[in-house]
Amino acid sequence: MTKYDGNLNALFLALSDPTRRGMIQQLTAGPASVSELAKPTNMALPTVLKHLEKLEDGGLILTEKRGRTRVCRANPKGIKVASDWLDRMRADWTARLDRLEDYLDTLPEDTETNE
């Protein structure tokens, strides 16, 4: 059974929303203020702040206060955590499929057809 990982859950929860994925995409071009991130969404600022909170909880962005402005930037370590987990899952499933193929190769072939 897979060990419960709250951080991984928060990361995939953050990635599950298209608005948040768009914000991450926007931040790959460089840091942006909350108002810059809110502009393409046409959402109220409190709603955008909730989305940013989910991204920060998931470890996908970092925020800092610069004067009166909150600036966000992408956190590559967050995406690496997701990528590493997916790589482990891919390796596990590939190994399982290889074992299944090996087992199927040991079965005798049925040369008779039932008609």
PDB file of N, CA and C in Angstrom:
ATOM      1  N   MET A   1       0.842  -1.186   0.000  1.00  0.00           N
ATOM      2  CA  MET A   1       0.000   0.000   0.000  1.00  0.00           C
ATOM      3  C   MET A   1       0.881   1.241   0.000  1.00  0.00           C
ATOM      4  N   THR A   2       0.480   2.234  -0.754  1.00  0.00           N
ATOM      5  CA  THR A   2       1.269   3.459  -0.862  1.00  0.00           C
ATOM      6  C   THR A   2       1.159   4.270   0.416  1.00  0.00           C
ATOM      7  N   LYS A   3       2.273   4.759   0.877  1.00  0.00           N
ATOM      8  CA  LYS A   3       2.295   5.608   2.063  1.00  0.00           C
ATOM      9  C   LYS A   3       1.582   6.922   1.754  1.00  0.00           C
ATOM     10  N   TYR A   4       0.775   7.386   2.674  1.00  0.00           N
ATOM     11  CA  TYR A   4       0.067   8.654   2.511  1.00  0.00           C
ATOM     12  C   TYR A   4       1.075   9.793   2.484  1.00  0.00           C
ATOM     13  N   ASP A   5       0.980  10.622   1.501  1.00  0.00           N
ATOM     14  CA  ASP A   5       1.870  11.772   1.375  1.00  0.00           C
ATOM     15  C   ASP A   5       1.026  13.011   1.131  1.00  0.00           C
ATOM     16  N   GLY A   6       0.788  13.760   2.189  1.00  0.00           N
ATOM     17  CA  GLY A   6      -0.038  14.959   2.101  1.00  0.00           C
ATOM     18  C   GLY A   6       0.515  15.982   1.127  1.00  0.00           C
ATOM     19  N   ASN A   7       1.845  16.098   1.056  1.00  0.00           N
ATOM     20  CA  ASN A   7       2.437  17.067   0.137  1.00  0.00           C
ATOM     21  C   ASN A   7       2.163  16.687  -1.316  1.00  0.00           C
ATOM     22  N   LEU A   8       2.251  15.407  -1.605  1.00  0.00           N
ATOM     23  CA  LEU A   8       1.978  14.938  -2.962  1.00  0.00           C
ATOM     24  C   LEU A   8       0.502  15.156  -3.309  1.00  0.00           C
ATOM     25  N   ASN A   9      -0.364  14.920  -2.339  1.00  0.00           N
ATOM     26  CA  ASN A   9      -1.789  15.163  -2.560  1.00  0.00           C
ATOM     27  C   ASN A   9      -2.049  16.636  -2.844  1.00  0.00           C
ATOM     28  N   ALA A  10      -1.423  17.512  -2.071  1.00  0.00           N
ATOM     29  CA  ALA A  10      -1.596  18.953  -2.270  1.00  0.00           C
ATOM     30  C   ALA A  10      -1.051  19.378  -3.633  1.00  0.00           C
ATOM     31  N   LEU A  11       0.042  18.763  -4.045  1.00  0.00           N
ATOM     32  CA  LEU A  11       0.636  19.086  -5.342  1.00  0.00           C
ATOM     33  C   LEU A  11      -0.319  18.708  -6.480  1.00  0.00           C
ATOM     34  N   PHE A  12      -0.845  17.483  -6.449  1.00  0.00           N
ATOM     35  CA  PHE A  12      -1.740  17.060  -7.527  1.00  0.00           C
ATOM     36  C   PHE A  12      -3.089  17.776  -7.460  1.00  0.00           C
ATOM     37  N   LEU A  13      -3.525  18.148  -6.261  1.00  0.00           N
ATOM     38  CA  LEU A  13      -4.736  18.965  -6.145  1.00  0.00           C
ATOM     39  C   LEU A  13      -4.514  20.312  -6.829  1.00  0.00           C
ATOM     40  N   ALA A  14      -3.348  20.888  -6.600  1.00  0.00           N
ATOM     41  CA  ALA A  14      -3.036  22.177  -7.235  1.00  0.00           C
ATOM     42  C   ALA A  14      -2.994  22.042  -8.750  1.00  0.00           C
ATOM     43  N   LEU A  15      -2.449  20.945  -9.244  1.00  0.00           N
ATOM     44  CA  LEU A  15      -2.348  20.732 -10.690  1.00  0.00           C
ATOM     45  C   LEU A  15      -3.684  20.358 -11.334  1.00  0.00           C
ATOM     46  N   SER A  16      -4.668  20.004 -10.535  1.00  0.00           N
ATOM     47  CA  SER A  16      -5.937  19.511 -11.083  1.00  0.00           C
ATOM     48  C   SER A  16      -6.806  20.608 -11.693  1.00  0.00           C
ATOM     49  N   ASP A  17      -6.484  21.844 -11.447  1.00  0.00           N
ATOM     50  CA  ASP A  17      -7.324  22.941 -11.926  1.00  0.00           C
ATOM     51  C   ASP A  17      -6.682  23.648 -13.116  1.00  0.00           C
ATOM     52  N   PRO A  18      -7.432  23.846 -14.210  1.00  0.00           N
ATOM     53  CA  PRO A  18      -6.848  24.492 -15.400  1.00  0.00           C
ATOM     54  C   PRO A  18      -6.417  25.936 -15.159  1.00  0.00           C
ATOM     55  N   THR A  19      -7.109  26.645 -14.288  1.00  0.00           N
ATOM     56  CA  THR A  19      -6.709  28.021 -13.984  1.00  0.00           C
ATOM     57  C   THR A  19      -5.343  28.031 -13.320  1.00  0.00           C
ATOM     58  N   ARG A  20      -5.152  27.130 -12.380  1.00  0.00           N
ATOM     59  CA  ARG A  20      -3.853  27.068 -11.687  1.00  0.00           C
ATOM     60  C   ARG A  20      -2.742  26.618 -12.624  1.00  0.00           C
ATOM     61  N   ARG A  21      -3.060  25.667 -13.510  1.00  0.00           N
ATOM     62  CA  ARG A  21      -2.030  25.255 -14.491  1.00  0.00           C
ATOM     63  C   ARG A  21      -1.668  26.431 -15.392  1.00  0.00           C
ATOM     64  N   GLY A  22      -2.643  27.250 -15.740  1.00  0.00           N
ATOM     65  CA  GLY A  22      -2.364  28.442 -16.546  1.00  0.00           C
ATOM     66  C   GLY A  22      -1.474  29.425 -15.815  1.00  0.00           C
ATOM     67  N   MET A  23      -1.703  29.566 -14.524  1.00  0.00           N
ATOM     68  CA  MET A  23      -0.864  30.468 -13.719  1.00  0.00           C
ATOM     69  C   MET A  23       0.570  29.959 -13.668  1.00  0.00           C
ATOM     70  N   ILE A  24       0.726  28.645 -13.499  1.00  0.00           N
ATOM     71  CA  ILE A  24       2.079  28.070 -13.496  1.00  0.00           C
ATOM     72  C   ILE A  24       2.747  28.325 -14.847  1.00  0.00           C
ATOM     73  N   GLN A  25       1.994  28.109 -15.912  1.00  0.00           N
ATOM     74  CA  GLN A  25       2.528  28.356 -17.255  1.00  0.00           C
ATOM     75  C   GLN A  25       2.979  29.807 -17.399  1.00  0.00           C
ATOM     76  N   GLN A  26       2.159  30.717 -16.901  1.00  0.00           N
ATOM     77  CA  GLN A  26       2.502  32.139 -16.959  1.00  0.00           C
ATOM     78  C   GLN A  26       3.773  32.415 -16.160  1.00  0.00           C
ATOM     79  N   LEU A  27       3.930  31.744 -15.024  1.00  0.00           N
ATOM     80  CA  LEU A  27       5.098  31.980 -14.179  1.00  0.00           C
ATOM     81  C   LEU A  27       6.378  31.365 -14.734  1.00  0.00           C
ATOM     82  N   THR A  28       6.262  30.460 -15.700  1.00  0.00           N
ATOM     83  CA  THR A  28       7.481  29.913 -16.308  1.00  0.00           C
ATOM     84  C   THR A  28       8.215  30.979 -17.118  1.00  0.00           C
ATOM     85  N   ALA A  29       7.503  32.031 -17.488  1.00  0.00           N
ATOM     86  CA  ALA A  29       8.137  33.140 -18.206  1.00  0.00           C
ATOM     87  C   ALA A  29       8.865  34.087 -17.254  1.00  0.00           C
ATOM     88  N   GLY A  30       8.603  33.945 -15.953  1.00  0.00           N
ATOM     89  CA  GLY A  30       9.244  34.800 -14.969  1.00  0.00           C
ATOM     90  C   GLY A  30       8.272  35.191 -13.879  1.00  0.00           C
ATOM     91  N   PRO A  31       8.793  35.805 -12.809  1.00  0.00           N
ATOM     92  CA  PRO A  31       7.935  36.211 -11.699  1.00  0.00           C
ATOM     93  C   PRO A  31       6.835  37.169 -12.152  1.00  0.00           C
ATOM     94  N   ALA A  32       5.726  37.138 -11.422  1.00  0.00           N
ATOM     95  CA  ALA A  32       4.598  38.025 -11.739  1.00  0.00           C
ATOM     96  C   ALA A  32       3.884  38.398 -10.447  1.00  0.00           C
ATOM     97  N   SER A  33       3.294  39.565 -10.458  1.00  0.00           N
ATOM     98  CA  SER A  33       2.505  39.992  -9.305  1.00  0.00           C
ATOM     99  C   SER A  33       1.155  39.287  -9.327  1.00  0.00           C
ATOM    100  N   VAL A  34       0.469  39.335  -8.212  1.00  0.00           N
ATOM    101  CA  VAL A  34      -0.856  38.720  -8.122  1.00  0.00           C
ATOM    102  C   VAL A  34      -1.787  39.357  -9.140  1.00  0.00           C
ATOM    103  N   SER A  35      -1.728  40.663  -9.281  1.00  0.00           N
ATOM    104  CA  SER A  35      -2.619  41.339 -10.235  1.00  0.00           C
ATOM    105  C   SER A  35      -2.299  40.940 -11.680  1.00  0.00           C
ATOM    106  N   GLU A  36      -1.027  40.709 -11.989  1.00  0.00           N
ATOM    107  CA  GLU A  36      -0.661  40.246 -13.333  1.00  0.00           C
ATOM    108  C   GLU A  36      -1.198  38.835 -13.588  1.00  0.00           C
ATOM    109  N   LEU A  37      -1.160  37.995 -12.554  1.00  0.00           N
ATOM    110  CA  LEU A  37      -1.686  36.645 -12.692  1.00  0.00           C
ATOM    111  C   LEU A  37      -3.218  36.646 -12.773  1.00  0.00           C
ATOM    112  N   ALA A  38      -3.837  37.618 -12.133  1.00  0.00           N
ATOM    113  CA  ALA A  38      -5.305  37.690 -12.118  1.00  0.00           C
ATOM    114  C   ALA A  38      -5.860  38.193 -13.446  1.00  0.00           C
ATOM    115  N   LYS A  39      -5.108  39.028 -14.130  1.00  0.00           N
ATOM    116  CA  LYS A  39      -5.614  39.686 -15.342  1.00  0.00           C
ATOM    117  C   LYS A  39      -6.209  38.721 -16.376  1.00  0.00           C
ATOM    118  N   PRO A  40      -5.507  37.674 -16.813  1.00  0.00           N
ATOM    119  CA  PRO A  40      -6.075  36.807 -17.856  1.00  0.00           C
ATOM    120  C   PRO A  40      -7.238  35.931 -17.374  1.00  0.00           C
ATOM    121  N   THR A  41      -7.449  35.844 -16.070  1.00  0.00           N
ATOM    122  CA  THR A  41      -8.491  34.956 -15.557  1.00  0.00           C
ATOM    123  C   THR A  41      -9.863  35.615 -15.476  1.00  0.00           C
ATOM    124  N   ASN A  42      -9.886  36.934 -15.431  1.00  0.00           N
ATOM    125  CA  ASN A  42     -11.139  37.680 -15.222  1.00  0.00           C
ATOM    126  C   ASN A  42     -11.838  37.267 -13.938  1.00  0.00           C
ATOM    127  N   MET A  43     -11.068  36.847 -12.944  1.00  0.00           N
ATOM    128  CA  MET A  43     -11.608  36.453 -11.640  1.00  0.00           C
ATOM    129  C   MET A  43     -11.377  37.571 -10.640  1.00  0.00           C
ATOM    130  N   ALA A  44     -12.198  37.572  -9.601  1.00  0.00           N
ATOM    131  CA  ALA A  44     -12.013  38.519  -8.506  1.00  0.00           C
ATOM    132  C   ALA A  44     -10.710  38.184  -7.782  1.00  0.00           C
ATOM    133  N   LEU A  45     -10.082  39.192  -7.244  1.00  0.00           N
ATOM    134  CA  LEU A  45      -8.794  39.017  -6.579  1.00  0.00           C
ATOM    135  C   LEU A  45      -8.846  37.976  -5.448  1.00  0.00           C
ATOM    136  N   PRO A  46      -9.888  37.949  -4.600  1.00  0.00           N
ATOM    137  CA  PRO A  46      -9.928  36.912  -3.564  1.00  0.00           C
ATOM    138  C   PRO A  46      -9.931  35.491  -4.140  1.00  0.00           C
ATOM    139  N   THR A  47     -10.573  35.288  -5.267  1.00  0.00           N
ATOM    140  CA  THR A  47     -10.591  33.972  -5.912  1.00  0.00           C
ATOM    141  C   THR A  47      -9.202  33.613  -6.418  1.00  0.00           C
ATOM    142  N   VAL A  48      -8.528  34.574  -7.018  1.00  0.00           N
ATOM    143  CA  VAL A  48      -7.160  34.351  -7.505  1.00  0.00           C
ATOM    144  C   VAL A  48      -6.235  34.026  -6.333  1.00  0.00           C
ATOM    145  N   LEU A  49      -6.412  34.718  -5.225  1.00  0.00           N
ATOM    146  CA  LEU A  49      -5.582  34.458  -4.048  1.00  0.00           C
ATOM    147  C   LEU A  49      -5.786  33.030  -3.531  1.00  0.00           C
ATOM    148  N   LYS A  50      -7.014  32.527  -3.612  1.00  0.00           N
ATOM    149  CA  LYS A  50      -7.267  31.139  -3.185  1.00  0.00           C
ATOM    150  C   LYS A  50      -6.553  30.156  -4.112  1.00  0.00           C
ATOM    151  N   HIS A  51      -6.567  30.436  -5.408  1.00  0.00           N
ATOM    152  CA  HIS A  51      -5.842  29.593  -6.355  1.00  0.00           C
ATOM    153  C   HIS A  51      -4.341  29.625  -6.052  1.00  0.00           C
ATOM    154  N   LEU A  52      -3.812  30.797  -5.798  1.00  0.00           N
ATOM    155  CA  LEU A  52      -2.384  30.921  -5.501  1.00  0.00           C
ATOM    156  C   LEU A  52      -2.021  30.216  -4.201  1.00  0.00           C
ATOM    157  N   GLU A  53      -2.928  30.239  -3.242  1.00  0.00           N
ATOM    158  CA  GLU A  53      -2.694  29.523  -1.988  1.00  0.00           C
ATOM    159  C   GLU A  53      -2.576  28.020  -2.241  1.00  0.00           C
ATOM    160  N   LYS A  54      -3.437  27.481  -3.103  1.00  0.00           N
ATOM    161  CA  LYS A  54      -3.363  26.050  -3.453  1.00  0.00           C
ATOM    162  C   LYS A  54      -2.031  25.740  -4.139  1.00  0.00           C
ATOM    163  N   LEU A  55      -1.594  26.621  -5.037  1.00  0.00           N
ATOM    164  CA  LEU A  55      -0.315  26.408  -5.734  1.00  0.00           C
ATOM    165  C   LEU A  55       0.851  26.454  -4.750  1.00  0.00           C
ATOM    166  N   GLU A  56       0.763  27.361  -3.800  1.00  0.00           N
ATOM    167  CA  GLU A  56       1.837  27.475  -2.806  1.00  0.00           C
ATOM    168  C   GLU A  56       1.809  26.264  -1.864  1.00  0.00           C
ATOM    169  N   ASP A  57       0.615  25.841  -1.448  1.00  0.00           N
ATOM    170  CA  ASP A  57       0.494  24.653  -0.589  1.00  0.00           C
ATOM    171  C   ASP A  57       1.051  23.412  -1.293  1.00  0.00           C
ATOM    172  N   GLY A  58       0.888  23.344  -2.604  1.00  0.00           N
ATOM    173  CA  GLY A  58       1.393  22.222  -3.373  1.00  0.00           C
ATOM    174  C   GLY A  58       2.879  22.318  -3.679  1.00  0.00           C
ATOM    175  N   GLY A  59       3.509  23.412  -3.288  1.00  0.00           N
ATOM    176  CA  GLY A  59       4.945  23.573  -3.506  1.00  0.00           C
ATOM    177  C   GLY A  59       5.296  23.971  -4.932  1.00  0.00           C
ATOM    178  N   LEU A  60       4.304  24.413  -5.700  1.00  0.00           N
ATOM    179  CA  LEU A  60       4.546  24.735  -7.107  1.00  0.00           C
ATOM    180  C   LEU A  60       4.969  26.176  -7.333  1.00  0.00           C
ATOM    181  N   ILE A  61       4.644  27.045  -6.380  1.00  0.00           N
ATOM    182  CA  ILE A  61       5.072  28.442  -6.497  1.00  0.00           C
ATOM    183  C   ILE A  61       5.599  28.924  -5.159  1.00  0.00           C
ATOM    184  N   LEU A  62       6.368  29.989  -5.223  1.00  0.00           N
ATOM    185  CA  LEU A  62       6.853  30.687  -4.036  1.00  0.00           C
ATOM    186  C   LEU A  62       6.361  32.128  -4.150  1.00  0.00           C
ATOM    187  N   THR A  63       5.988  32.707  -3.024  1.00  0.00           N
ATOM    188  CA  THR A  63       5.539  34.097  -3.049  1.00  0.00           C
ATOM    189  C   THR A  63       6.349  34.901  -2.042  1.00  0.00           C
ATOM    190  N   GLU A  64       6.472  36.174  -2.346  1.00  0.00           N
ATOM    191  CA  GLU A  64       7.148  37.082  -1.424  1.00  0.00           C
ATOM    192  C   GLU A  64       6.531  38.457  -1.542  1.00  0.00           C
ATOM    193  N   LYS A  65       6.575  39.168  -0.450  1.00  0.00           N
ATOM    194  CA  LYS A  65       6.023  40.519  -0.400  1.00  0.00           C
ATOM    195  C   LYS A  65       7.134  41.504  -0.753  1.00  0.00           C
ATOM    196  N   ARG A  66       6.875  42.340  -1.752  1.00  0.00           N
ATOM    197  CA  ARG A  66       7.811  43.405  -2.143  1.00  0.00           C
ATOM    198  C   ARG A  66       7.070  44.721  -2.012  1.00  0.00           C
ATOM    199  N   GLY A  67       7.280  45.371  -0.895  1.00  0.00           N
ATOM    200  CA  GLY A  67       6.521  46.595  -0.639  1.00  0.00           C
ATOM    201  C   GLY A  67       5.048  46.251  -0.453  1.00  0.00           C
ATOM    202  N   ARG A  68       4.183  46.822  -1.270  1.00  0.00           N
ATOM    203  CA  ARG A  68       2.752  46.544  -1.192  1.00  0.00           C
ATOM    204  C   ARG A  68       2.326  45.472  -2.196  1.00  0.00           C
ATOM    205  N   THR A  69       3.283  44.921  -2.912  1.00  0.00           N
ATOM    206  CA  THR A  69       2.972  43.965  -3.973  1.00  0.00           C
ATOM    207  C   THR A  69       3.428  42.562  -3.581  1.00  0.00           C
ATOM    208  N   ARG A  70       2.564  41.585  -3.815  1.00  0.00           N
ATOM    209  CA  ARG A  70       2.938  40.179  -3.621  1.00  0.00           C
ATOM    210  C   ARG A  70       3.373  39.635  -4.976  1.00  0.00           C
ATOM    211  N   VAL A  71       4.608  39.118  -5.027  1.00  0.00           N
ATOM    212  CA  VAL A  71       5.179  38.600  -6.265  1.00  0.00           C
ATOM    213  C   VAL A  71       5.291  37.080  -6.155  1.00  0.00           C
ATOM    214  N   CYS A  72       4.898  36.412  -7.212  1.00  0.00           N
ATOM    215  CA  CYS A  72       4.927  34.948  -7.263  1.00  0.00           C
ATOM    216  C   CYS A  72       5.958  34.507  -8.290  1.00  0.00           C
ATOM    217  N   ARG A  73       6.552  33.360  -8.030  1.00  0.00           N
ATOM    218  CA  ARG A  73       7.456  32.764  -9.010  1.00  0.00           C
ATOM    219  C   ARG A  73       7.298  31.250  -8.965  1.00  0.00           C
ATOM    220  N   ALA A  74       7.569  30.624 -10.079  1.00  0.00           N
ATOM    221  CA  ALA A  74       7.466  29.166 -10.175  1.00  0.00           C
ATOM    222  C   ALA A  74       8.540  28.524  -9.303  1.00  0.00           C
ATOM    223  N   ASN A  75       8.202  27.381  -8.734  1.00  0.00           N
ATOM    224  CA  ASN A  75       9.152  26.612  -7.938  1.00  0.00           C
ATOM    225  C   ASN A  75       9.426  25.298  -8.669  1.00  0.00           C
ATOM    226  N   PRO A  76      10.520  25.210  -9.411  1.00  0.00           N
ATOM    227  CA  PRO A  76      10.812  24.000 -10.185  1.00  0.00           C
ATOM    228  C   PRO A  76      10.882  22.734  -9.334  1.00  0.00           C
ATOM    229  N   LYS A  77      11.221  22.870  -8.053  1.00  0.00           N
ATOM    230  CA  LYS A  77      11.295  21.694  -7.182  1.00  0.00           C
ATOM    231  C   LYS A  77       9.928  21.020  -7.061  1.00  0.00           C
ATOM    232  N   GLY A  78       8.853  21.808  -7.102  1.00  0.00           N
ATOM    233  CA  GLY A  78       7.513  21.244  -7.007  1.00  0.00           C
ATOM    234  C   GLY A  78       7.183  20.352  -8.185  1.00  0.00           C
ATOM    235  N   ILE A  79       7.506  20.814  -9.377  1.00  0.00           N
ATOM    236  CA  ILE A  79       7.257  20.003 -10.575  1.00  0.00           C
ATOM    237  C   ILE A  79       8.146  18.761 -10.554  1.00  0.00           C
ATOM    238  N   LYS A  80       9.362  18.895 -10.026  1.00  0.00           N
ATOM    239  CA  LYS A  80      10.262  17.740  -9.953  1.00  0.00           C
ATOM    240  C   LYS A  80       9.679  16.665  -9.044  1.00  0.00           C
ATOM    241  N   VAL A  81       9.043  17.055  -7.960  1.00  0.00           N
ATOM    242  CA  VAL A  81       8.419  16.075  -7.064  1.00  0.00           C
ATOM    243  C   VAL A  81       7.364  15.281  -7.830  1.00  0.00           C
ATOM    244  N   ALA A  82       6.528  15.976  -8.609  1.00  0.00           N
ATOM    245  CA  ALA A  82       5.500  15.290  -9.410  1.00  0.00           C
ATOM    246  C   ALA A  82       6.147  14.397 -10.457  1.00  0.00           C
ATOM    247  N   SER A  83       7.144  14.902 -11.120  1.00  0.00           N
ATOM    248  CA  SER A  83       7.828  14.145 -12.167  1.00  0.00           C
ATOM    249  C   SER A  83       8.491  12.894 -11.596  1.00  0.00           C
ATOM    250  N   ASP A  84       9.138  13.027 -10.446  1.00  0.00           N
ATOM    251  CA  ASP A  84       9.794  11.881  -9.810  1.00  0.00           C
ATOM    252  C   ASP A  84       8.771  10.815  -9.432  1.00  0.00           C
ATOM    253  N   TRP A  85       7.631  11.241  -8.881  1.00  0.00           N
ATOM    254  CA  TRP A  85       6.589  10.285  -8.497  1.00  0.00           C
ATOM    255  C   TRP A  85       6.056   9.561  -9.731  1.00  0.00           C
ATOM    256  N   LEU A  86       5.790  10.313 -10.797  1.00  0.00           N
ATOM    257  CA  LEU A  86       5.296   9.697 -12.028  1.00  0.00           C
ATOM    258  C   LEU A  86       6.326   8.740 -12.625  1.00  0.00           C
ATOM    259  N   ASP A  87       7.593   9.090 -12.553  1.00  0.00           N
ATOM    260  CA  ASP A  87       8.653   8.196 -13.040  1.00  0.00           C
ATOM    261  C   ASP A  87       8.672   6.887 -12.253  1.00  0.00           C
ATOM    262  N   ARG A  88       8.507   6.980 -10.919  1.00  0.00           N
ATOM    263  CA  ARG A  88       8.475   5.763 -10.101  1.00  0.00           C
ATOM    264  C   ARG A  88       7.268   4.904 -10.460  1.00  0.00           C
ATOM    265  N   MET A  89       6.124   5.533 -10.670  1.00  0.00           N
ATOM    266  CA  MET A  89       4.919   4.780 -11.033  1.00  0.00           C
ATOM    267  C   MET A  89       5.089   4.118 -12.402  1.00  0.00           C
ATOM    268  N   ARG A  90       5.688   4.838 -13.345  1.00  0.00           N
ATOM    269  CA  ARG A  90       5.924   4.299 -14.682  1.00  0.00           C
ATOM    270  C   ARG A  90       6.861   3.085 -14.607  1.00  0.00           C
ATOM    271  N   ALA A  91       7.927   3.199 -13.823  1.00  0.00           N
ATOM    272  CA  ALA A  91       8.875   2.098 -13.676  1.00  0.00           C
ATOM    273  C   ALA A  91       8.191   0.886 -13.033  1.00  0.00           C
ATOM    274  N   ASP A  92       7.354   1.129 -12.040  1.00  0.00           N
ATOM    275  CA  ASP A  92       6.645   0.034 -11.371  1.00  0.00           C
ATOM    276  C   ASP A  92       5.714  -0.676 -12.343  1.00  0.00           C
ATOM    277  N   TRP A  93       4.952   0.080 -13.092  1.00  0.00           N
ATOM    278  CA  TRP A  93       4.013  -0.538 -14.040  1.00  0.00           C
ATOM    279  C   TRP A  93       4.734  -1.216 -15.197  1.00  0.00           C
ATOM    280  N   THR A  94       5.838  -0.662 -15.629  1.00  0.00           N
ATOM    281  CA  THR A  94       6.623  -1.309 -16.684  1.00  0.00           C
ATOM    282  C   THR A  94       7.148  -2.655 -16.188  1.00  0.00           C
ATOM    283  N   ALA A  95       7.627  -2.688 -14.948  1.00  0.00           N
ATOM    284  CA  ALA A  95       8.120  -3.947 -14.382  1.00  0.00           C
ATOM    285  C   ALA A  95       6.982  -4.962 -14.259  1.00  0.00           C
ATOM    286  N   ARG A  96       5.809  -4.511 -13.859  1.00  0.00           N
ATOM    287  CA  ARG A  96       4.661  -5.419 -13.744  1.00  0.00           C
ATOM    288  C   ARG A  96       4.275  -5.995 -15.107  1.00  0.00           C
ATOM    289  N   LEU A  97       4.257  -5.144 -16.098  1.00  0.00           N
ATOM    290  CA  LEU A  97       3.908  -5.611 -17.446  1.00  0.00           C
ATOM    291  C   LEU A  97       4.971  -6.562 -17.994  1.00  0.00           C
ATOM    292  N   ASP A  98       6.230  -6.296 -17.684  1.00  0.00           N
ATOM    293  CA  ASP A  98       7.305  -7.201 -18.107  1.00  0.00           C
ATOM    294  C   ASP A  98       7.139  -8.574 -17.455  1.00  0.00           C
ATOM    295  N   ARG A  99       6.795  -8.580 -16.153  1.00  0.00           N
ATOM    296  CA  ARG A  99       6.582  -9.865 -15.464  1.00  0.00           C
ATOM    297  C   ARG A  99       5.382 -10.602 -16.055  1.00  0.00           C
ATOM    298  N   LEU A 100       4.327  -9.873 -16.391  1.00  0.00           N
ATOM    299  CA  LEU A 100       3.156 -10.502 -17.015  1.00  0.00           C
ATOM    300  C   LEU A 100       3.533 -11.098 -18.365  1.00  0.00           C
ATOM    301  N   GLU A 101       4.296 -10.359 -19.145  1.00  0.00           N
ATOM    302  CA  GLU A 101       4.736 -10.865 -20.450  1.00  0.00           C
ATOM    303  C   GLU A 101       5.585 -12.126 -20.284  1.00  0.00           C
ATOM    304  N   ASP A 102       6.502 -12.112 -19.298  1.00  0.00           N
ATOM    305  CA  ASP A 102       7.328 -13.292 -19.040  1.00  0.00           C
ATOM    306  C   ASP A 102       6.461 -14.485 -18.657  1.00  0.00           C
ATOM    307  N   TYR A 103       5.459 -14.248 -17.836  1.00  0.00           N
ATOM    308  CA  TYR A 103       4.557 -15.336 -17.432  1.00  0.00           C
ATOM    309  C   TYR A 103       3.777 -15.870 -18.625  1.00  0.00           C
ATOM    310  N   LEU A 104       3.255 -14.973 -19.430  1.00  0.00           N
ATOM    311  CA  LEU A 104       2.486 -15.404 -20.604  1.00  0.00           C
ATOM    312  C   LEU A 104       3.347 -16.199 -21.575  1.00  0.00           C
ATOM    313  N   ASP A 105       4.616 -15.875 -21.642  1.00  0.00           N
ATOM    314  CA  ASP A 105       5.535 -16.624 -22.511  1.00  0.00           C
ATOM    315  C   ASP A 105       5.745 -18.062 -22.022  1.00  0.00           C
ATOM    316  N   THR A 106       5.517 -18.313 -20.746  1.00  0.00           N
ATOM    317  CA  THR A 106       5.695 -19.671 -20.219  1.00  0.00           C
ATOM    318  C   THR A 106       4.472 -20.551 -20.445  1.00  0.00           C
ATOM    319  N   LEU A 107       3.353 -19.966 -20.785  1.00  0.00           N
ATOM    320  CA  LEU A 107       2.137 -20.748 -20.993  1.00  0.00           C
ATOM    321  C   LEU A 107       2.210 -21.465 -22.332  1.00  0.00           C
ATOM    322  N   PRO A 108       1.706 -22.702 -22.364  1.00  0.00           N
ATOM    323  CA  PRO A 108       1.710 -23.412 -23.648  1.00  0.00           C
ATOM    324  C   PRO A 108       0.721 -22.747 -24.608  1.00  0.00           C
ATOM    325  N   GLU A 109       1.111 -22.725 -25.852  1.00  0.00           N
ATOM    326  CA  GLU A 109       0.214 -22.150 -26.871  1.00  0.00           C
ATOM    327  C   GLU A 109      -0.877 -23.132 -27.184  1.00  0.00           C
ATOM    328  N   ASP A 110      -2.075 -22.657 -27.314  1.00  0.00           N
ATOM    329  CA  ASP A 110      -3.216 -23.500 -27.669  1.00  0.00           C
ATOM    330  C   ASP A 110      -3.292 -23.552 -29.183  1.00  0.00           C
ATOM    331  N   THR A 111      -2.906 -24.689 -29.734  1.00  0.00           N
ATOM    332  CA  THR A 111      -2.876 -24.810 -31.203  1.00  0.00           C
ATOM    333  C   THR A 111      -4.221 -25.234 -31.773  1.00  0.00           C
ATOM    334  N   GLU A 112      -5.088 -25.774 -30.912  1.00  0.00           N
ATOM    335  CA  GLU A 112      -6.413 -26.155 -31.401  1.00  0.00           C
ATOM    336  C   GLU A 112      -7.340 -24.943 -31.314  1.00  0.00           C
ATOM    337  N   THR A 113      -8.206 -24.867 -32.279  1.00  0.00           N
ATOM    338  CA  THR A 113      -9.236 -23.828 -32.240  1.00  0.00           C
ATOM    339  C   THR A 113     -10.564 -24.484 -32.007  1.00  0.00           C
ATOM    340  N   ASN A 114     -11.325 -23.909 -31.162  1.00  0.00           N
ATOM    341  CA  ASN A 114     -12.669 -24.428 -30.889  1.00  0.00           C
ATOM    342  C   ASN A 114     -13.650 -23.772 -31.830  1.00  0.00           C
ATOM    343  N   GLU A 115     -14.189 -24.543 -32.745  1.00  0.00           N
ATOM    344  CA  GLU A 115     -15.162 -23.991 -33.691  1.00  0.00           C
ATOM    345  C   GLU A 115     -16.480 -24.628 -33.503  1.00  0.00           C
TER     346      GLU A 115
END
